[in-house]
C-alpha atoms as a PDB file:
ATOM      1  CA  MET A   1      11.096 -88.760 -35.314  1.00  0.00           C
ATOM      2  CA  LEU A   2      11.697 -85.441 -33.619  1.00  0.00           C
ATOM      3  CA  ASP A   3      11.885 -85.364 -29.849  1.00  0.00           C
ATOM      4  CA  SER A   4       9.674 -83.126 -27.703  1.00  0.00           C
ATOM      5  CA  SER A   5      12.292 -80.352 -27.419  1.00  0.00           C
ATOM      6  CA  ALA A   6      12.765 -80.186 -31.206  1.00  0.00           C
ATOM      7  CA  LEU A   7       8.983 -79.990 -31.735  1.00  0.00           C
ATOM      8  CA  SER A   8       8.664 -77.281 -29.093  1.00  0.00           C
ATOM      9  CA  PHE A   9      11.382 -75.315 -30.913  1.00  0.00           C
ATOM     10  CA  ILE A  10       9.633 -75.662 -34.298  1.00  0.00           C
ATOM     11  CA  SER A  11       6.234 -74.656 -32.846  1.00  0.00           C
ATOM     12  CA  GLU A  12       7.701 -71.654 -31.073  1.00  0.00           C
ATOM     13  CA  TYR A  13       9.428 -70.308 -34.135  1.00  0.00           C
ATOM     14  CA  ALA A  14       6.392 -71.034 -36.293  1.00  0.00           C
ATOM     15  CA  PHE A  15       4.714 -68.178 -34.483  1.00  0.00           C
ATOM     16  CA  TYR A  16       7.291 -65.781 -35.834  1.00  0.00           C
ATOM     17  CA  GLY A  17       6.598 -66.986 -39.362  1.00  0.00           C
ATOM     18  CA  LEU A  18       2.808 -66.632 -38.760  1.00  0.00           C
ATOM     19  CA  ALA A  19       3.381 -63.068 -37.427  1.00  0.00           C
ATOM     20  CA  PHE A  20       5.266 -62.122 -40.529  1.00  0.00           C
ATOM     21  CA  VAL A  21       2.991 -63.790 -43.104  1.00  0.00           C
ATOM     22  CA  SER A  22      -0.299 -62.649 -41.631  1.00  0.00           C
ATOM     23  CA  ALA A  23       0.776 -58.984 -41.289  1.00  0.00           C
ATOM     24  CA  PHE A  24       2.480 -59.042 -44.726  1.00  0.00           C
ATOM     25  CA  SER A  25      -0.700 -60.466 -46.445  1.00  0.00           C
ATOM     26  CA  VAL A  26      -3.136 -58.001 -44.753  1.00  0.00           C
ATOM     27  CA  VAL A  27      -0.996 -55.015 -45.830  1.00  0.00           C
ATOM     28  CA  LEU A  28      -0.540 -56.434 -49.332  1.00  0.00           C
ATOM     29  CA  ALA A  29      -4.291 -56.783 -49.730  1.00  0.00           C
ATOM     30  CA  SER A  30      -5.371 -53.589 -48.063  1.00  0.00           C
ATOM     31  CA  VAL A  31      -3.089 -51.039 -49.856  1.00  0.00           C
ATOM     32  CA  PRO A  32      -5.052 -51.149 -53.192  1.00  0.00           C
ATOM     33  CA  ILE A  33      -8.335 -50.570 -51.202  1.00  0.00           C
ATOM     34  CA  VAL A  34      -6.917 -47.661 -49.231  1.00  0.00           C
ATOM     35  CA  ARG A  35      -5.398 -46.103 -52.413  1.00  0.00           C
ATOM     36  CA  LYS A  36      -8.704 -46.206 -54.146  1.00  0.00           C
ATOM     37  CA  ILE A  37     -10.619 -44.707 -51.217  1.00  0.00           C
ATOM     38  CA  ALA A  38      -8.013 -42.067 -50.516  1.00  0.00           C
ATOM     39  CA  THR A  39      -7.726 -41.047 -54.179  1.00  0.00           C
ATOM     40  CA  TYR A  40     -11.482 -40.644 -54.439  1.00  0.00           C
ATOM     41  CA  SER A  41     -11.593 -38.534 -51.214  1.00  0.00           C
ATOM     42  CA  GLY A  42      -8.669 -36.432 -52.112  1.00  0.00           C
ATOM     43  CA  HIS A  43      -6.300 -37.462 -49.323  1.00  0.00           C
ATOM     44  CA  VAL A  44      -3.119 -37.232 -51.407  1.00  0.00           C
ATOM     45  CA  ASP A  45       0.335 -35.642 -51.048  1.00  0.00           C
ATOM     46  CA  LEU A  46       0.573 -32.993 -53.772  1.00  0.00           C
ATOM     47  CA  PRO A  47       3.885 -32.359 -55.574  1.00  0.00           C
ATOM     48  CA  CYS A  48       5.803 -29.192 -54.868  1.00  0.00           C
ATOM     49  CA  ASP A  49       9.324 -27.753 -55.106  1.00  0.00           C
ATOM     50  CA  ARG A  50      10.601 -29.437 -52.022  1.00  0.00           C
ATOM     51  CA  LYS A  51       9.208 -32.891 -52.819  1.00  0.00           C
ATOM     52  CA  VAL A  52      10.622 -35.550 -55.190  1.00  0.00           C
ATOM     53  CA  HIS A  53       7.308 -36.944 -56.580  1.00  0.00           C
ATOM     54  CA  LYS A  54       5.764 -35.338 -59.626  1.00  0.00           C
ATOM     55  CA  ILE A  55       2.178 -36.676 -59.354  1.00  0.00           C
ATOM     56  CA  PRO A  56      -0.242 -36.755 -56.376  1.00  0.00           C
ATOM     57  CA  ILE A  57       0.478 -39.738 -54.117  1.00  0.00           C
ATOM     58  CA  VAL A  58      -1.920 -41.182 -51.510  1.00  0.00           C
ATOM     59  CA  ARG A  59      -0.565 -40.472 -47.999  1.00  0.00           C
ATOM     60  CA  LEU A  60      -2.711 -42.847 -45.844  1.00  0.00           C
ATOM     61  CA  GLY A  61      -0.482 -45.943 -46.018  1.00  0.00           C
ATOM     62  CA  GLY A  62      -0.057 -45.886 -42.277  1.00  0.00           C
ATOM     63  CA  LEU A  63      -3.663 -47.256 -41.978  1.00  0.00           C
ATOM     64  CA  CYS A  64      -2.561 -50.426 -43.753  1.00  0.00           C
ATOM     65  CA  ILE A  65       0.528 -50.793 -41.543  1.00  0.00           C
ATOM     66  CA  PHE A  66      -1.652 -50.256 -38.451  1.00  0.00           C
ATOM     67  CA  VAL A  67      -4.352 -52.714 -39.442  1.00  0.00           C
ATOM     68  CA  GLY A  68      -1.778 -55.227 -40.596  1.00  0.00           C
ATOM     69  CA  THR A  69       0.087 -55.222 -37.404  1.00  0.00           C
ATOM     70  CA  LEU A  70      -2.970 -55.431 -35.173  1.00  0.00           C
ATOM     71  CA  ALA A  71      -4.427 -58.256 -37.304  1.00  0.00           C
ATOM     72  CA  ALA A  72      -1.331 -60.211 -36.860  1.00  0.00           C
ATOM     73  CA  VAL A  73      -1.238 -59.685 -33.161  1.00  0.00           C
ATOM     74  CA  GLY A  74      -4.873 -60.743 -32.939  1.00  0.00           C
ATOM     75  CA  CYS A  75      -4.145 -63.859 -34.914  1.00  0.00           C
ATOM     76  CA  LEU A  76      -1.253 -64.749 -32.680  1.00  0.00           C
ATOM     77  CA  TRP A  77      -3.285 -64.164 -29.570  1.00  0.00           C
ATOM     78  CA  ARG A  78      -6.051 -66.316 -30.989  1.00  0.00           C
ATOM     79  CA  VAL A  79      -3.756 -69.376 -31.741  1.00  0.00           C
ATOM     80  CA  GLY A  80      -1.822 -69.153 -28.502  1.00  0.00           C
ATOM     81  CA  GLY A  81       1.294 -67.264 -29.483  1.00  0.00           C
ATOM     82  CA  PHE A  82       1.153 -65.263 -26.214  1.00  0.00           C
ATOM     83  CA  ASN A  83      -0.006 -68.073 -23.989  1.00  0.00           C
ATOM     84  CA  THR A  84       3.213 -68.324 -22.051  1.00  0.00           C
ATOM     85  CA  LEU A  85       2.969 -64.720 -20.834  1.00  0.00           C
ATOM     86  CA  LEU A  86       2.141 -63.969 -17.234  1.00  0.00           C
ATOM     87  CA  SER A  87      -0.779 -61.650 -16.589  1.00  0.00           C
ATOM     88  CA  ILE A  88       1.661 -58.689 -15.813  1.00  0.00           C
ATOM     89  CA  ASP A  89       3.289 -59.318 -19.181  1.00  0.00           C
ATOM     90  CA  ARG A  90       0.036 -59.348 -21.042  1.00  0.00           C
ATOM     91  CA  LYS A  91      -0.823 -55.964 -19.445  1.00  0.00           C
ATOM     92  CA  GLU A  92       2.488 -54.555 -20.724  1.00  0.00           C
ATOM     93  CA  ILE A  93       1.768 -55.816 -24.202  1.00  0.00           C
ATOM     94  CA  LEU A  94      -1.632 -54.156 -24.216  1.00  0.00           C
ATOM     95  CA  ILE A  95      -0.131 -50.920 -22.890  1.00  0.00           C
ATOM     96  CA  MET A  96       2.397 -50.947 -25.729  1.00  0.00           C
ATOM     97  CA  LEU A  97      -0.292 -51.576 -28.271  1.00  0.00           C
ATOM     98  CA  LEU A  98      -2.570 -48.856 -26.863  1.00  0.00           C
ATOM     99  CA  GLY A  99       0.336 -46.378 -26.820  1.00  0.00           C
ATOM    100  CA  ALA A 100       1.215 -47.201 -30.368  1.00  0.00           C
ATOM    101  CA  SER A 101      -2.430 -46.928 -31.428  1.00  0.00           C
ATOM    102  CA  GLY A 102      -2.631 -43.526 -29.803  1.00  0.00           C
ATOM    103  CA  TYR A 103       0.349 -42.334 -31.939  1.00  0.00           C
ATOM    104  CA  PHE A 104      -1.236 -43.832 -34.995  1.00  0.00           C
ATOM    105  CA  LEU A 105      -4.533 -41.985 -34.415  1.00  0.00           C
ATOM    106  CA  LEU A 106      -2.702 -38.713 -33.790  1.00  0.00           C
ATOM    107  CA  GLY A 107      -0.747 -39.067 -37.003  1.00  0.00           C
ATOM    108  CA  PHE A 108      -3.745 -40.327 -39.000  1.00  0.00           C
ATOM    109  CA  PHE A 109      -5.828 -37.325 -37.932  1.00  0.00           C
ATOM    110  CA  ASP A 110      -2.882 -35.132 -39.018  1.00  0.00           C
ATOM    111  CA  ASP A 111      -2.946 -36.796 -42.418  1.00  0.00           C
ATOM    112  CA  LEU A 112      -6.706 -36.104 -42.701  1.00  0.00           C
ATOM    113  CA  TYR A 113      -6.947 -32.635 -41.191  1.00  0.00           C
ATOM    114  CA  THR A 114      -3.428 -31.181 -40.857  1.00  0.00           C
ATOM    115  CA  LEU A 115      -3.074 -30.543 -37.143  1.00  0.00           C
ATOM    116  CA  SER A 116      -0.790 -27.813 -35.873  1.00  0.00           C
ATOM    117  CA  PRO A 117       2.804 -28.840 -34.941  1.00  0.00           C
ATOM    118  CA  ARG A 118       2.421 -27.532 -31.379  1.00  0.00           C
ATOM    119  CA  PHE A 119      -0.715 -29.544 -30.805  1.00  0.00           C
ATOM    120  CA  ARG A 120       0.857 -32.736 -32.221  1.00  0.00           C
ATOM    121  CA  LEU A 121       3.957 -32.260 -30.030  1.00  0.00           C
ATOM    122  CA  VAL A 122       1.855 -31.756 -26.890  1.00  0.00           C
ATOM    123  CA  CYS A 123      -0.140 -34.933 -27.699  1.00  0.00           C
ATOM    124  CA  GLN A 124       3.090 -36.903 -28.371  1.00  0.00           C
ATOM    125  CA  PHE A 125       4.450 -36.079 -24.908  1.00  0.00           C
ATOM    126  CA  ALA A 126       0.987 -36.745 -23.365  1.00  0.00           C
ATOM    127  CA  ILE A 127       0.818 -40.247 -24.836  1.00  0.00           C
ATOM    128  CA  ALA A 128       4.446 -41.027 -23.823  1.00  0.00           C
ATOM    129  CA  ALA A 129       3.626 -39.850 -20.248  1.00  0.00           C
ATOM    130  CA  LEU A 130       0.614 -42.155 -20.093  1.00  0.00           C
ATOM    131  CA  VAL A 131       2.683 -45.062 -21.293  1.00  0.00           C
ATOM    132  CA  TRP A 132       5.336 -44.300 -18.675  1.00  0.00           C
ATOM    133  CA  GLN A 133       2.658 -43.999 -15.963  1.00  0.00           C
ATOM    134  CA  PHE A 134       1.361 -47.520 -16.811  1.00  0.00           C
ATOM    135  CA  GLY A 135       4.797 -49.005 -16.473  1.00  0.00           C
ATOM    136  CA  ILE A 136       6.456 -48.902 -19.877  1.00  0.00           C
ATOM    137  CA  ARG A 137       9.512 -46.895 -18.948  1.00  0.00           C
ATOM    138  CA  ILE A 138      13.358 -46.582 -19.098  1.00  0.00           C
ATOM    139  CA  ASP A 139      14.485 -47.224 -15.544  1.00  0.00           C
ATOM    140  CA  PHE A 140      18.245 -47.701 -16.151  1.00  0.00           C
ATOM    141  CA  ILE A 141      20.868 -47.390 -18.888  1.00  0.00           C
ATOM    142  CA  ALA A 142      24.174 -49.192 -19.463  1.00  0.00           C
ATOM    143  CA  VAL A 143      27.112 -46.736 -19.588  1.00  0.00           C
ATOM    144  CA  PRO A 144      30.390 -48.178 -21.031  1.00  0.00           C
ATOM    145  CA  GLY A 145      33.058 -48.177 -18.394  1.00  0.00           C
ATOM    146  CA  ILE A 146      30.661 -47.537 -15.590  1.00  0.00           C
ATOM    147  CA  GLY A 147      27.989 -50.257 -15.858  1.00  0.00           C
ATOM    148  CA  ILE A 148      24.273 -50.061 -15.027  1.00  0.00           C
ATOM    149  CA  VAL A 149      23.063 -46.583 -13.992  1.00  0.00           C
ATOM    150  CA  HIS A 150      19.583 -46.375 -12.343  1.00  0.00           C
ATOM    151  CA  LEU A 151      17.797 -43.254 -13.511  1.00  0.00           C
ATOM    152  CA  ALA A 152      15.384 -42.798 -10.498  1.00  0.00           C
ATOM    153  CA  TRP A 153      13.403 -39.549 -11.141  1.00  0.00           C
ATOM    154  CA  LEU A 154      15.175 -39.050 -14.462  1.00  0.00           C
ATOM    155  CA  SER A 155      13.177 -42.063 -15.766  1.00  0.00           C
ATOM    156  CA  LEU A 156      10.273 -39.903 -16.798  1.00  0.00           C
ATOM    157  CA  PRO A 157      12.079 -37.238 -18.950  1.00  0.00           C
ATOM    158  CA  VAL A 158      14.451 -39.890 -20.474  1.00  0.00           C
ATOM    159  CA  THR A 159      11.486 -42.129 -21.411  1.00  0.00           C
ATOM    160  CA  LEU A 160       9.475 -39.227 -22.907  1.00  0.00           C
ATOM    161  CA  ILE A 161      12.410 -37.829 -24.841  1.00  0.00           C
ATOM    162  CA  TRP A 162      13.310 -41.260 -26.170  1.00  0.00           C
ATOM    163  CA  ILE A 163       9.685 -42.135 -27.310  1.00  0.00           C
ATOM    164  CA  VAL A 164       8.863 -38.765 -28.732  1.00  0.00           C
ATOM    165  CA  GLY A 165      12.312 -38.430 -30.289  1.00  0.00           C
ATOM    166  CA  THR A 166      12.014 -41.854 -32.019  1.00  0.00           C
ATOM    167  CA  VAL A 167       8.543 -41.021 -33.305  1.00  0.00           C
ATOM    168  CA  ASN A 168       9.765 -37.713 -34.878  1.00  0.00           C
ATOM    169  CA  ALA A 169      12.973 -39.238 -36.162  1.00  0.00           C
ATOM    170  CA  ILE A 170      11.082 -41.676 -38.360  1.00  0.00           C
ATOM    171  CA  ASN A 171       8.602 -38.971 -39.390  1.00  0.00           C
ATOM    172  CA  TRP A 172      11.459 -36.675 -40.475  1.00  0.00           C
ATOM    173  CA  ILE A 173      13.166 -39.226 -42.686  1.00  0.00           C
ATOM    174  CA  ASP A 174       9.875 -40.072 -44.464  1.00  0.00           C
ATOM    175  CA  GLY A 175      10.827 -38.007 -47.525  1.00  0.00           C
ATOM    176  CA  LEU A 176      12.111 -40.547 -50.103  1.00  0.00           C
ATOM    177  CA  ASP A 177      10.499 -43.642 -51.487  1.00  0.00           C
ATOM    178  CA  GLY A 178      11.051 -46.612 -49.243  1.00  0.00           C
ATOM    179  CA  LEU A 179      13.369 -44.701 -46.811  1.00  0.00           C
ATOM    180  CA  ALA A 180      11.323 -44.558 -43.625  1.00  0.00           C
ATOM    181  CA  SER A 181       9.632 -47.843 -44.129  1.00  0.00           C
ATOM    182  CA  GLY A 182      12.911 -49.624 -45.112  1.00  0.00           C
ATOM    183  CA  VAL A 183      14.866 -48.080 -42.172  1.00  0.00           C
ATOM    184  CA  SER A 184      12.004 -49.033 -39.840  1.00  0.00           C
ATOM    185  CA  ALA A 185      11.911 -52.617 -41.192  1.00  0.00           C
ATOM    186  CA  ILE A 186      15.636 -53.128 -40.704  1.00  0.00           C
ATOM    187  CA  ALA A 187      15.590 -51.559 -37.259  1.00  0.00           C
ATOM    188  CA  THR A 188      12.573 -53.611 -36.144  1.00  0.00           C
ATOM    189  CA  LEU A 189      14.094 -56.864 -37.429  1.00  0.00           C
ATOM    190  CA  ILE A 190      17.225 -56.118 -35.431  1.00  0.00           C
ATOM    191  CA  THR A 191      14.934 -55.524 -32.444  1.00  0.00           C
ATOM    192  CA  VAL A 192      13.521 -59.065 -33.001  1.00  0.00           C
ATOM    193  CA  GLY A 193      17.022 -60.510 -32.725  1.00  0.00           C
ATOM    194  CA  ILE A 194      17.916 -58.481 -29.598  1.00  0.00           C
ATOM    195  CA  CYS A 195      14.670 -59.440 -27.864  1.00  0.00           C
ATOM    196  CA  LEU A 196      15.285 -63.094 -28.561  1.00  0.00           C
ATOM    197  CA  PHE A 197      18.839 -62.733 -27.298  1.00  0.00           C
ATOM    198  CA  VAL A 198      17.802 -61.202 -24.067  1.00  0.00           C
ATOM    199  CA  GLY A 199      14.888 -63.579 -23.548  1.00  0.00           C
ATOM    200  CA  GLU A 200      11.909 -61.364 -24.457  1.00  0.00           C
ATOM    201  CA  PRO A 201       9.941 -63.502 -26.960  1.00  0.00           C
ATOM    202  CA  SER A 202       6.686 -61.678 -26.534  1.00  0.00           C
ATOM    203  CA  VAL A 203       8.262 -58.335 -27.580  1.00  0.00           C
ATOM    204  CA  ALA A 204      10.007 -60.186 -30.416  1.00  0.00           C
ATOM    205  CA  LEU A 205       6.596 -61.425 -31.646  1.00  0.00           C
ATOM    206  CA  LEU A 206       5.198 -57.862 -31.563  1.00  0.00           C
ATOM    207  CA  ALA A 207       8.184 -56.613 -33.504  1.00  0.00           C
ATOM    208  CA  MET A 208       7.841 -59.403 -36.095  1.00  0.00           C
ATOM    209  CA  CYS A 209       4.262 -58.311 -36.698  1.00  0.00           C
ATOM    210  CA  LEU A 210       5.555 -54.842 -37.508  1.00  0.00           C
ATOM    211  CA  VAL A 211       8.323 -56.248 -39.695  1.00  0.00           C
ATOM    212  CA  GLY A 212       5.687 -58.116 -41.744  1.00  0.00           C
ATOM    213  CA  SER A 213       3.566 -55.040 -42.131  1.00  0.00           C
ATOM    214  CA  LEU A 214       6.474 -52.799 -43.168  1.00  0.00           C
ATOM    215  CA  CYS A 215       7.673 -55.369 -45.781  1.00  0.00           C
ATOM    216  CA  GLY A 216       4.181 -55.646 -47.197  1.00  0.00           C
ATOM    217  CA  PHE A 217       4.100 -51.851 -47.418  1.00  0.00           C
ATOM    218  CA  LEU A 218       7.500 -51.683 -49.032  1.00  0.00           C
ATOM    219  CA  VAL A 219       6.058 -53.616 -52.027  1.00  0.00           C
ATOM    220  CA  TYR A 220       4.116 -50.417 -52.876  1.00  0.00           C
ATOM    221  CA  ASN A 221       6.517 -47.838 -51.329  1.00  0.00           C
ATOM    222  CA  PHE A 222       9.715 -48.695 -53.260  1.00  0.00           C
ATOM    223  CA  ASN A 223      10.644 -46.188 -55.938  1.00  0.00           C
ATOM    224  CA  PRO A 224       8.502 -45.277 -57.776  1.00  0.00           C
ATOM    225  CA  ALA A 225       6.114 -45.273 -54.756  1.00  0.00           C
ATOM    226  CA  CYS A 226       2.416 -45.359 -55.247  1.00  0.00           C
ATOM    227  CA  ILE A 227       1.505 -44.689 -51.598  1.00  0.00           C
ATOM    228  CA  PHE A 228       3.196 -42.956 -48.593  1.00  0.00           C
ATOM    229  CA  MET A 229       2.882 -44.002 -44.987  1.00  0.00           C
ATOM    230  CA  GLY A 230       2.079 -40.553 -43.852  1.00  0.00           C
ATOM    231  CA  ASP A 231       2.268 -39.318 -40.272  1.00  0.00           C
ATOM    232  CA  GLY A 232      -0.017 -42.128 -39.141  1.00  0.00           C
ATOM    233  CA  GLY A 233       2.436 -44.784 -40.288  1.00  0.00           C
ATOM    234  CA  SER A 234       5.626 -42.927 -39.221  1.00  0.00           C
ATOM    235  CA  TYR A 235       4.234 -42.245 -35.743  1.00  0.00           C
ATOM    236  CA  PHE A 236       3.078 -45.810 -35.359  1.00  0.00           C
END
């Protein structure tokens, strides 16, 4: 018979399995639907001299990643995966989800209507500023040989540059089959491990939902890809 601590350990880590499997399954099932609709409506990435693919490829895969991640988060919330969170922690989780959703919508509208680069950049900084205003921010950094450095008023520009820089870094590498989604899956899985190491299980759960979505998307995005994540996916 397992003692109570062993059962608690198993039940806690079962949530991570549920996060991965639920997100993976939703993306796996939704990609064929999105491909069919996007192909019919003409939302495809056309081949050209600077692109590798030779045939039109659907570019709305970010919708699947977005829906899969939120579905997994909703499932975990429903079954009690976030029950140990304090009210302030729940607020931070919701702020992160709202900020990520804002970035997805910005990228998704760009996939649909091709927004101007200047408009997108302004919106990216605006979303990051709202996230910072509501408490998701970089307040200090660890400098080797010096220790913890508190940023004070530099917190705002550092946070904005970090968030917007990360969003665009993923977007810029989204040029080869499986590259952006594969790099993101690896980085997010590492984030899960770091969060568990420093005692942030709620953020680890969120990250695991994204890992599941990215792995489900990679099934269709490996070479030869039949769908791209587009700006909606890379921003998210």
